[in-house]
Amino acid sequence: MKTPNCKLPDPVTLYKRSAGEQIPGYVREAGDLLALGDTKLCIDHLNKADTKHVESPWGWIVAATAHCQLGNFKTAIGVATRGLQYAGENSYLLDCLGVAHAGLGDLNNAKVFFQKAVQVNAKNANSIINLANIHLQHNAIDLAFDVLDHGLAANPDDAEIRYLYIQLHPIWMLPIENERLRIRARTPLDHQFVTDCYANESFMSNYNRYVAGSLRQSKSQQNTHHPDRLAVYKNKSIQWVIEKNDPLNPGEIQYTPIGLASLAEIHLIHRRAEILIGFPDATKFNGTRIPLTAMLMILDFAFNRIGFNKLVSIVYADNVYAQRSTLALGFKQEGLLKNHLFDRKLNRWISVYQNAMLIEEFGENTQLAKLSKKLLGYESHPNQLNLFRKLNF
C-alpha cells in the first residue's frame, strides 16, 4: 500500500498560534533554521544548547519534525515519545508520531496517533488532513469525509480542509435527473457503450480526438470509468453517461444510454472546469431538444449546485456547427488558438476555439432562464446554497 503524503507541523506557524506561551530562544532559532530548510543545522542547534527546556513541547516538536523530514522515522518516534513523557499530551507531537509511523509503512498505528491528535486539539488542521488521507489509503471515503466534515466545524477557514472536503463530497456522485433524462457517473456496466462511443470516429472527432486513442492503447483502461468518489480528487474530472428515460409499466423506467458528458480539468482554487458533451447518434435527436436539455442540466449542476465561477468549452475549429451552437447558448468566444493541436491521423495541425461562460453571465442570461423553465421545469439562477458558497468561498 502506498504511503500517504502526510503533513508535518510547521514550527513558525505554530509559534504564531502559541497564544503568548514562552518559547525558549534556542528552540525558536532551531525552528527558523528548519523553516529555511537547514534541517541538519536545526538538529545540531538543538543538541548544542547549553540548557534544555525539556518540559516545553516546542523543542520536541521541532526535533521530531526535523527527523521526519530527514527520513529518520525511528529516531523521530523516540524523540516524540520522550516529548510526550515530559510535556504531556500534545497534538503536534502525536502528529509527528503519526507521520513517522506512516513513513515506516505502519498505517494502523499512524491512524491511531492522528486520531489522538485530533481528539487532543480539534484545531490541528494537519492532523485532520493526515487522518483523512490515512482513511483514503484504505479507500474508506465516507470515514475520510466525516473527519473533514467535523474538522470544518473547528477550522472553518482552513483552505486545505475545505478543498479536500469539496473533492470528496458525495454531490459529485448524485445523478442529475428530470422526466426526460438522467445524467449519472459512469460504471463498469457502461464499458460497452463507452467503447462503442470511442470506436465511433465521426463522433470522437468532435467530442475528444485524443482520449479514444489512449483508451485503445491500454486494456487496463477498460474498468477505469466507474462511480469513484475519488474521481475529482484523483483525476480532476467527473465523467457521466447521459440516459434517456423511457416509461414502461407504472412506476418503471427504462434508461437508455445516448451520450457522454464530463467536467474535466477541474481547478477548485480557480473554480473552473472544462465542459464536454456529445451524442454518438446526434441526428436521431434533431428537433427533440434533448441535447439542449442535457446541457442545461449540466450548467445548472456546475453553477448552481457546485458553484463554479467559470466553465470553458473547447471546440475544434473545423466543427462550425458546434461553435455556432456554443455561442448561441451564451458562451463567449475568448480566443482562437491557431495550430494548437496536432492530429496524427490527419497529419496536420488543427486550431481550436476557446469559449467560456461566467457564473454571472449564466445568472443574467434571460434566454437560458426561459429555456430552463420550459425544459427543466424551473428557472436556472445562481443558488445561494451551492457547495462553494456553503463553505464561504
Protein backbone atom coordinates (compact mmCIF):
# COMPACT_ATOMS: atom_id res chain seq x y z
CA MET A 1 0.00 0.00 0.00
CA LYS A 2 1.32 3.42 -0.93
CA THR A 3 2.47 5.60 1.95
CA PRO A 4 0.23 8.66 2.28
CA ASN A 5 1.61 12.15 1.86
CA CYS A 6 1.43 13.33 5.46
CA LYS A 7 1.77 16.89 6.65
CA LEU A 8 4.27 17.80 9.38
CA PRO A 9 3.91 20.65 11.87
CA ASP A 10 5.32 23.97 10.72
CA PRO A 11 7.10 25.43 13.78
CA VAL A 12 6.95 29.03 12.54
CA THR A 13 3.17 28.77 12.05
CA LEU A 14 2.77 27.13 15.46
CA TYR A 15 4.76 29.90 17.13
CA LYS A 16 2.20 32.40 15.88
CA ARG A 17 -0.55 30.32 17.48
CA SER A 18 1.22 29.88 20.81
CA ALA A 19 -1.01 32.50 22.44
CA GLY A 20 1.87 34.20 24.23
CA GLU A 21 3.38 30.97 25.54
CA GLN A 22 7.07 31.37 26.32
CA ILE A 23 9.15 29.59 23.68
CA PRO A 24 12.81 29.05 24.55
CA GLY A 25 15.08 31.18 22.36
CA TYR A 26 17.25 28.31 21.14
CA VAL A 27 14.14 26.38 20.12
CA ARG A 28 12.81 29.35 18.14
CA GLU A 29 16.18 29.68 16.42
CA ALA A 30 16.15 25.97 15.56
CA GLY A 31 12.63 26.31 14.21
CA ASP A 32 13.75 29.19 12.00
CA LEU A 33 16.56 27.00 10.62
CA LEU A 34 14.04 24.25 9.93
CA ALA A 35 11.77 26.72 8.12
CA LEU A 36 14.74 27.73 5.93
CA GLY A 37 15.36 24.10 5.02
CA ASP A 38 18.52 23.70 7.13
CA THR A 39 17.27 20.54 8.79
CA LYS A 40 20.62 19.16 9.96
CA LEU A 41 21.66 22.55 11.34
CA CYS A 42 18.34 22.67 13.15
CA ILE A 43 19.07 19.38 14.93
CA ASP A 44 22.67 20.41 15.71
CA HIS A 45 21.42 23.68 17.17
CA LEU A 46 19.04 21.83 19.49
CA ASN A 47 21.70 19.33 20.55
CA LYS A 48 24.30 22.03 21.33
CA ALA A 49 22.03 24.14 23.52
CA ASP A 50 23.59 24.70 26.95
CA THR A 51 20.30 24.41 28.80
CA LYS A 52 17.45 22.16 27.64
CA HIS A 53 13.85 23.09 28.44
CA VAL A 54 12.55 19.53 28.38
CA GLU A 55 9.18 20.48 29.90
CA SER A 56 8.40 22.67 26.88
CA PRO A 57 6.84 20.74 23.97
CA TRP A 58 8.38 23.07 21.37
CA GLY A 59 11.88 21.62 21.29
CA TRP A 60 10.48 18.10 20.96
CA ILE A 61 8.12 19.20 18.19
CA VAL A 62 10.92 20.85 16.20
CA ALA A 63 13.28 17.89 16.69
CA ALA A 64 10.68 15.26 15.77
CA THR A 65 9.63 17.26 12.72
CA ALA A 66 13.24 17.63 11.58
CA HIS A 67 13.94 13.90 11.92
CA CYS A 68 10.77 13.08 9.97
CA GLN A 69 11.90 15.43 7.19
CA LEU A 70 15.23 13.61 7.06
CA GLY A 71 13.51 10.23 6.95
CA ASN A 72 14.83 9.28 10.39
CA PHE A 73 11.43 7.91 11.34
CA LYS A 74 12.55 5.61 14.17
CA THR A 75 14.53 8.45 15.75
CA ALA A 76 11.51 10.74 15.33
CA ILE A 77 9.34 8.20 17.16
CA GLY A 78 11.81 8.10 20.04
CA VAL A 79 12.00 11.92 20.23
CA ALA A 80 8.23 12.42 20.08
CA THR A 81 7.60 9.67 22.65
CA ARG A 82 10.04 11.27 25.10
CA GLY A 83 8.46 14.64 24.44
CA LEU A 84 5.05 13.28 25.41
CA GLN A 85 6.53 11.93 28.65
CA TYR A 86 7.95 15.35 29.59
CA ALA A 87 5.38 17.74 28.15
CA GLY A 88 2.18 15.70 28.39
CA GLU A 89 -0.36 15.05 25.64
CA ASN A 90 0.44 17.33 22.74
CA SER A 91 -1.40 17.23 19.44
CA TYR A 92 1.64 18.17 17.35
CA LEU A 93 3.88 15.52 18.91
CA LEU A 94 1.13 12.98 18.28
CA ASP A 95 1.04 14.24 14.69
CA CYS A 96 4.80 13.63 14.38
CA LEU A 97 4.33 10.10 15.70
CA GLY A 98 1.63 9.50 13.11
CA VAL A 99 3.82 10.82 10.29
CA ALA A 100 6.79 8.71 11.45
CA HIS A 101 4.73 5.52 11.63
CA ALA A 102 3.26 6.27 8.20
CA GLY A 103 6.79 6.77 6.89
CA LEU A 104 7.65 3.29 8.16
CA GLY A 105 4.56 1.88 6.44
CA ASP A 106 2.69 1.25 9.70
CA LEU A 107 -0.60 2.90 8.71
CA ASN A 108 -2.61 1.33 11.52
CA ASN A 109 -0.50 2.96 14.24
CA ALA A 110 -0.33 6.14 12.19
CA LYS A 111 -4.13 6.29 12.18
CA VAL A 112 -4.25 5.79 15.95
CA PHE A 113 -1.88 8.70 16.59
CA PHE A 114 -3.65 11.00 14.14
CA GLN A 115 -6.96 10.20 15.83
CA LYS A 116 -5.44 11.05 19.22
CA ALA A 117 -4.03 14.28 17.78
CA VAL A 118 -7.48 15.34 16.58
CA GLN A 119 -9.03 14.46 19.96
CA VAL A 120 -6.42 16.47 21.87
CA ASN A 121 -6.70 19.52 19.61
CA ALA A 122 -9.58 19.83 17.16
CA LYS A 123 -7.91 22.92 15.66
CA ASN A 124 -4.87 20.98 14.48
CA ALA A 125 -5.65 21.11 10.76
CA ASN A 126 -2.62 18.96 9.89
CA SER A 127 -3.87 16.01 11.92
CA ILE A 128 -7.30 16.30 10.29
CA ILE A 129 -5.76 16.21 6.79
CA ASN A 130 -3.43 13.36 7.81
CA LEU A 131 -6.24 11.27 9.29
CA ALA A 132 -8.39 11.82 6.22
CA ASN A 133 -5.50 10.74 3.96
CA ILE A 134 -4.98 7.57 6.01
CA HIS A 135 -8.66 6.70 5.53
CA LEU A 136 -8.30 7.36 1.80
CA GLN A 137 -5.40 4.91 1.66
CA HIS A 138 -7.82 2.27 2.91
CA ASN A 139 -10.50 3.50 0.44
CA ALA A 140 -12.67 4.45 3.43
CA ILE A 141 -14.04 7.53 1.68
CA ASP A 142 -17.02 8.04 4.00
CA LEU A 143 -14.74 7.99 7.06
CA ALA A 144 -12.38 10.48 5.41
CA PHE A 145 -15.28 12.77 4.53
CA ASP A 146 -16.65 12.51 8.07
CA VAL A 147 -13.26 13.55 9.50
CA LEU A 148 -13.21 16.59 7.20
CA ASP A 149 -16.83 17.44 7.97
CA HIS A 150 -16.09 17.55 11.71
CA GLY A 151 -12.78 19.28 11.07
CA LEU A 152 -14.50 22.13 9.26
CA ALA A 153 -16.53 22.92 12.37
CA ALA A 154 -13.32 23.74 14.26
CA ASN A 155 -11.40 25.09 11.26
CA PRO A 156 -13.95 26.81 9.00
CA ASP A 157 -11.32 28.97 7.30
CA ASP A 158 -8.71 26.30 6.60
CA ALA A 159 -8.46 26.19 2.80
CA GLU A 160 -6.81 22.77 2.59
CA ILE A 161 -9.56 21.10 4.60
CA ARG A 162 -12.21 22.87 2.53
CA TYR A 163 -10.69 21.88 -0.82
CA LEU A 164 -10.32 18.23 0.19
CA TYR A 165 -13.88 18.30 1.58
CA ILE A 166 -15.20 19.54 -1.77
CA GLN A 167 -13.30 16.89 -3.73
CA LEU A 168 -14.74 14.05 -1.61
CA HIS A 169 -18.27 15.44 -1.34
CA PRO A 170 -20.95 12.91 -2.37
CA ILE A 171 -22.68 15.54 -4.50
CA TRP A 172 -20.40 14.59 -7.41
CA MET A 173 -21.89 11.09 -7.49
CA LEU A 174 -25.56 12.05 -7.30
CA PRO A 175 -27.40 11.64 -10.62
CA ILE A 176 -28.79 14.74 -12.33
CA GLU A 177 -32.29 13.81 -13.41
CA ASN A 178 -35.59 15.07 -14.74
CA GLU A 179 -38.55 13.49 -16.52
CA ARG A 180 -36.68 13.11 -19.83
CA LEU A 181 -33.06 12.47 -18.96
CA ARG A 182 -30.69 11.11 -16.35
CA ILE A 183 -27.02 12.10 -16.24
CA ARG A 184 -25.03 9.83 -13.93
CA ALA A 185 -21.45 8.82 -13.22
CA ARG A 186 -20.07 6.01 -15.37
CA THR A 187 -19.97 2.47 -14.02
CA PRO A 188 -18.26 -0.75 -15.22
CA LEU A 189 -21.60 -1.67 -16.81
CA ASP A 190 -21.11 1.23 -19.23
CA HIS A 191 -17.93 -0.24 -20.68
CA GLN A 192 -19.51 -1.49 -23.90
CA PHE A 193 -21.38 1.75 -24.54
CA VAL A 194 -18.26 3.84 -23.84
CA THR A 195 -16.15 1.56 -26.04
CA ASP A 196 -18.65 1.88 -28.87
CA CYS A 197 -18.61 5.65 -28.49
CA TYR A 198 -14.83 5.74 -28.62
CA ALA A 199 -14.85 3.50 -31.70
CA ASN A 200 -17.16 5.95 -33.45
CA GLU A 201 -14.56 8.08 -35.22
CA SER A 202 -17.05 10.61 -36.54
CA PHE A 203 -18.35 11.23 -33.02
CA MET A 204 -14.94 11.30 -31.33
CA SER A 205 -13.50 13.70 -33.91
CA ASN A 206 -15.85 16.30 -32.42
CA TYR A 207 -16.07 15.10 -28.79
CA ASN A 208 -12.43 14.36 -27.97
CA ARG A 209 -9.95 13.27 -30.64
CA TYR A 210 -7.29 12.18 -28.17
CA VAL A 211 -8.96 10.22 -25.38
CA ALA A 212 -10.12 7.41 -27.70
CA GLY A 213 -6.61 6.59 -28.87
CA SER A 214 -5.26 6.43 -25.34
CA LEU A 215 -8.10 4.10 -24.33
CA ARG A 216 -7.42 1.72 -27.21
CA GLN A 217 -3.72 1.60 -26.36
CA SER A 218 -4.30 0.13 -22.90
CA LYS A 219 -6.65 -2.67 -21.92
CA SER A 220 -6.24 -1.61 -18.31
CA GLN A 221 -8.38 1.42 -19.14
CA GLN A 222 -11.45 -0.78 -19.60
CA ASN A 223 -12.58 -0.54 -15.99
CA THR A 224 -11.45 2.97 -15.19
CA HIS A 225 -14.86 4.56 -15.70
CA HIS A 226 -16.70 3.71 -12.51
CA PRO A 227 -18.58 5.73 -9.89
CA ASP A 228 -15.46 6.52 -7.91
CA ARG A 229 -15.94 9.16 -5.22
CA LEU A 230 -12.24 9.89 -5.71
CA ALA A 231 -12.64 10.90 -9.38
CA VAL A 232 -12.40 14.63 -8.68
CA TYR A 233 -9.65 14.05 -6.08
CA LYS A 234 -7.56 11.77 -8.30
CA ASN A 235 -8.30 12.87 -11.86
CA LYS A 236 -9.73 16.40 -11.51
CA SER A 237 -12.72 15.31 -13.58
CA ILE A 238 -16.15 13.73 -13.37
CA GLN A 239 -17.39 11.62 -16.27
CA TRP A 240 -21.04 10.90 -16.99
CA VAL A 241 -23.31 8.84 -19.20
CA ILE A 242 -26.42 10.62 -20.49
CA GLU A 243 -29.51 8.40 -20.48
CA LYS A 244 -32.97 8.82 -21.95
CA ASN A 245 -35.83 7.97 -19.59
CA ASP A 246 -38.47 5.73 -21.20
CA PRO A 247 -41.50 4.96 -19.01
CA LEU A 248 -42.63 1.33 -19.13
CA ASN A 249 -45.17 -0.02 -16.71
CA PRO A 250 -46.46 2.29 -13.94
CA GLY A 251 -43.53 3.04 -11.65
CA GLU A 252 -40.96 1.53 -14.04
CA ILE A 253 -38.48 3.41 -16.19
CA GLN A 254 -36.05 2.11 -18.78
CA TYR A 255 -32.81 4.06 -19.01
CA THR A 256 -31.15 4.05 -22.44
CA PRO A 257 -27.62 5.48 -22.79
CA ILE A 258 -27.48 8.09 -25.54
CA GLY A 259 -24.46 10.28 -24.85
CA LEU A 260 -21.35 11.17 -22.89
CA ALA A 261 -20.51 14.24 -20.83
CA SER A 262 -17.87 15.35 -18.39
CA LEU A 263 -16.40 18.17 -16.39
CA ALA A 264 -12.65 17.97 -16.96
CA GLU A 265 -9.59 20.00 -15.95
CA ILE A 266 -11.31 20.89 -12.68
CA HIS A 267 -9.44 23.63 -10.82
CA LEU A 268 -11.02 24.17 -7.42
CA ILE A 269 -8.84 27.12 -6.44
CA HIS A 270 -9.87 28.95 -9.60
CA ARG A 271 -13.37 27.38 -9.54
CA ARG A 272 -13.08 26.48 -13.20
CA ALA A 273 -13.74 23.40 -15.34
CA GLU A 274 -13.97 22.37 -18.97
CA ILE A 275 -17.35 21.07 -20.10
CA LEU A 276 -17.70 18.31 -22.72
CA ILE A 277 -20.94 16.85 -24.03
CA GLY A 278 -21.72 14.72 -27.07
CA PHE A 279 -24.18 12.28 -28.66
CA PRO A 280 -22.93 9.50 -30.98
CA ASP A 281 -26.21 9.49 -32.89
CA ALA A 282 -26.94 13.22 -32.75
CA THR A 283 -29.18 13.25 -35.84
CA LYS A 284 -31.59 10.96 -34.00
CA PHE A 285 -32.38 13.79 -31.60
CA ASN A 286 -32.85 16.59 -34.13
CA GLY A 287 -35.84 18.66 -33.11
CA THR A 288 -36.17 16.94 -29.69
CA ARG A 289 -34.14 19.49 -27.70
CA ILE A 290 -32.64 16.57 -25.78
CA PRO A 291 -29.03 17.80 -26.29
CA LEU A 292 -30.06 21.27 -25.14
CA THR A 293 -31.82 19.83 -22.09
CA ALA A 294 -28.73 17.84 -21.14
CA MET A 295 -26.52 20.89 -21.48
CA LEU A 296 -28.86 22.97 -19.30
CA MET A 297 -28.84 20.23 -16.65
CA ILE A 298 -25.03 20.24 -16.54
CA LEU A 299 -24.85 24.05 -16.45
CA ASP A 300 -27.31 24.05 -13.57
CA PHE A 301 -25.22 21.44 -11.73
CA ALA A 302 -21.91 23.22 -12.31
CA PHE A 303 -23.03 26.76 -11.48
CA ASN A 304 -25.91 26.28 -9.05
CA ARG A 305 -25.05 23.12 -7.13
CA ILE A 306 -21.24 23.25 -7.14
CA GLY A 307 -20.66 26.97 -7.61
CA PHE A 308 -18.02 27.08 -10.35
CA ASN A 309 -17.07 30.59 -11.37
CA LYS A 310 -16.28 29.69 -14.98
CA LEU A 311 -16.92 26.91 -17.48
CA VAL A 312 -14.76 26.53 -20.55
CA SER A 313 -15.83 24.89 -23.82
CA ILE A 314 -13.13 23.91 -26.31
CA VAL A 315 -14.38 23.44 -29.89
CA TYR A 316 -12.33 22.21 -32.84
CA ALA A 317 -12.21 24.98 -35.44
CA ASP A 318 -13.44 22.68 -38.22
CA ASN A 319 -16.65 21.98 -36.28
CA VAL A 320 -18.54 25.07 -37.42
CA TYR A 321 -21.92 23.84 -36.21
CA ALA A 322 -20.68 23.16 -32.67
CA GLN A 323 -19.06 26.57 -32.42
CA ARG A 324 -22.22 28.30 -33.62
CA SER A 325 -24.36 26.31 -31.15
CA THR A 326 -21.98 27.03 -28.27
CA LEU A 327 -22.15 30.78 -28.86
CA ALA A 328 -25.93 30.66 -29.29
CA LEU A 329 -26.17 29.04 -25.86
CA GLY A 330 -24.48 32.03 -24.24
CA PHE A 331 -20.80 31.10 -24.21
CA LYS A 332 -18.42 33.89 -25.24
CA GLN A 333 -15.51 33.21 -27.58
CA GLU A 334 -12.30 34.11 -25.74
CA GLY A 335 -9.89 33.22 -28.50
CA LEU A 336 -8.85 31.16 -31.48
CA LEU A 337 -5.80 29.06 -30.71
CA LYS A 338 -4.19 28.57 -34.10
CA ASN A 339 -2.47 25.25 -34.87
CA HIS A 340 -2.92 24.37 -31.22
CA LEU A 341 -3.09 20.58 -31.60
CA PHE A 342 -1.56 18.05 -33.96
CA ASP A 343 -3.86 15.39 -35.41
CA ARG A 344 -1.70 12.36 -36.21
CA LYS A 345 -4.42 10.65 -38.19
CA LEU A 346 -4.96 13.65 -40.44
CA ASN A 347 -1.26 14.50 -40.29
CA ARG A 348 -1.97 18.19 -39.85
CA TRP A 349 -2.32 20.90 -37.25
CA ILE A 350 -5.76 21.91 -36.06
CA SER A 351 -6.96 25.09 -34.43
CA VAL A 352 -9.44 25.31 -31.57
CA TYR A 353 -11.86 27.89 -30.29
CA GLN A 354 -11.81 28.61 -26.58
CA ASN A 355 -15.21 29.67 -25.28
CA ALA A 356 -16.30 30.41 -21.74
CA MET A 357 -19.27 31.28 -19.58
CA LEU A 358 -19.01 33.03 -16.19
CA ILE A 359 -21.42 32.41 -13.35
CA GLU A 360 -22.75 35.97 -13.52
CA GLU A 361 -23.34 35.62 -17.26
CA PHE A 362 -25.21 32.41 -16.62
CA GLY A 363 -27.34 34.05 -13.93
CA GLU A 364 -28.13 37.10 -16.06
CA ASN A 365 -28.99 35.16 -19.23
CA THR A 366 -32.77 35.56 -19.58
CA GLN A 367 -32.86 33.22 -22.58
CA LEU A 368 -31.33 30.39 -20.53
CA ALA A 369 -33.75 31.12 -17.70
CA LYS A 370 -36.71 30.77 -20.06
CA LEU A 371 -35.33 27.59 -21.61
CA SER A 372 -34.65 26.11 -18.19
CA LYS A 373 -38.18 26.85 -17.05
CA LYS A 374 -39.56 25.20 -20.18
CA LEU A 375 -37.25 22.19 -20.41
CA LEU A 376 -36.25 21.62 -16.76
CA GLY A 377 -39.36 22.91 -15.04
CA TYR A 378 -37.65 25.77 -13.18
CA GLU A 379 -35.70 28.94 -13.85
CA SER A 380 -31.99 28.41 -13.54
CA HIS A 381 -30.25 31.09 -11.48
CA PRO A 382 -27.28 31.15 -9.07
CA ASN A 383 -28.14 29.31 -5.89
CA GLN A 384 -27.01 30.88 -2.62
CA LEU A 385 -26.57 27.37 -1.16
CA ASN A 386 -24.14 25.96 -3.72
CA LEU A 387 -21.20 23.99 -2.37
CA PHE A 388 -18.61 26.76 -2.66
CA ARG A 389 -20.85 29.34 -1.05
CA LYS A 390 -21.77 26.93 1.73
CA LEU A 391 -18.06 26.89 2.59
CA ASN A 392 -17.80 30.69 2.38
CA PHE A 393 -15.51 30.78 -0.65
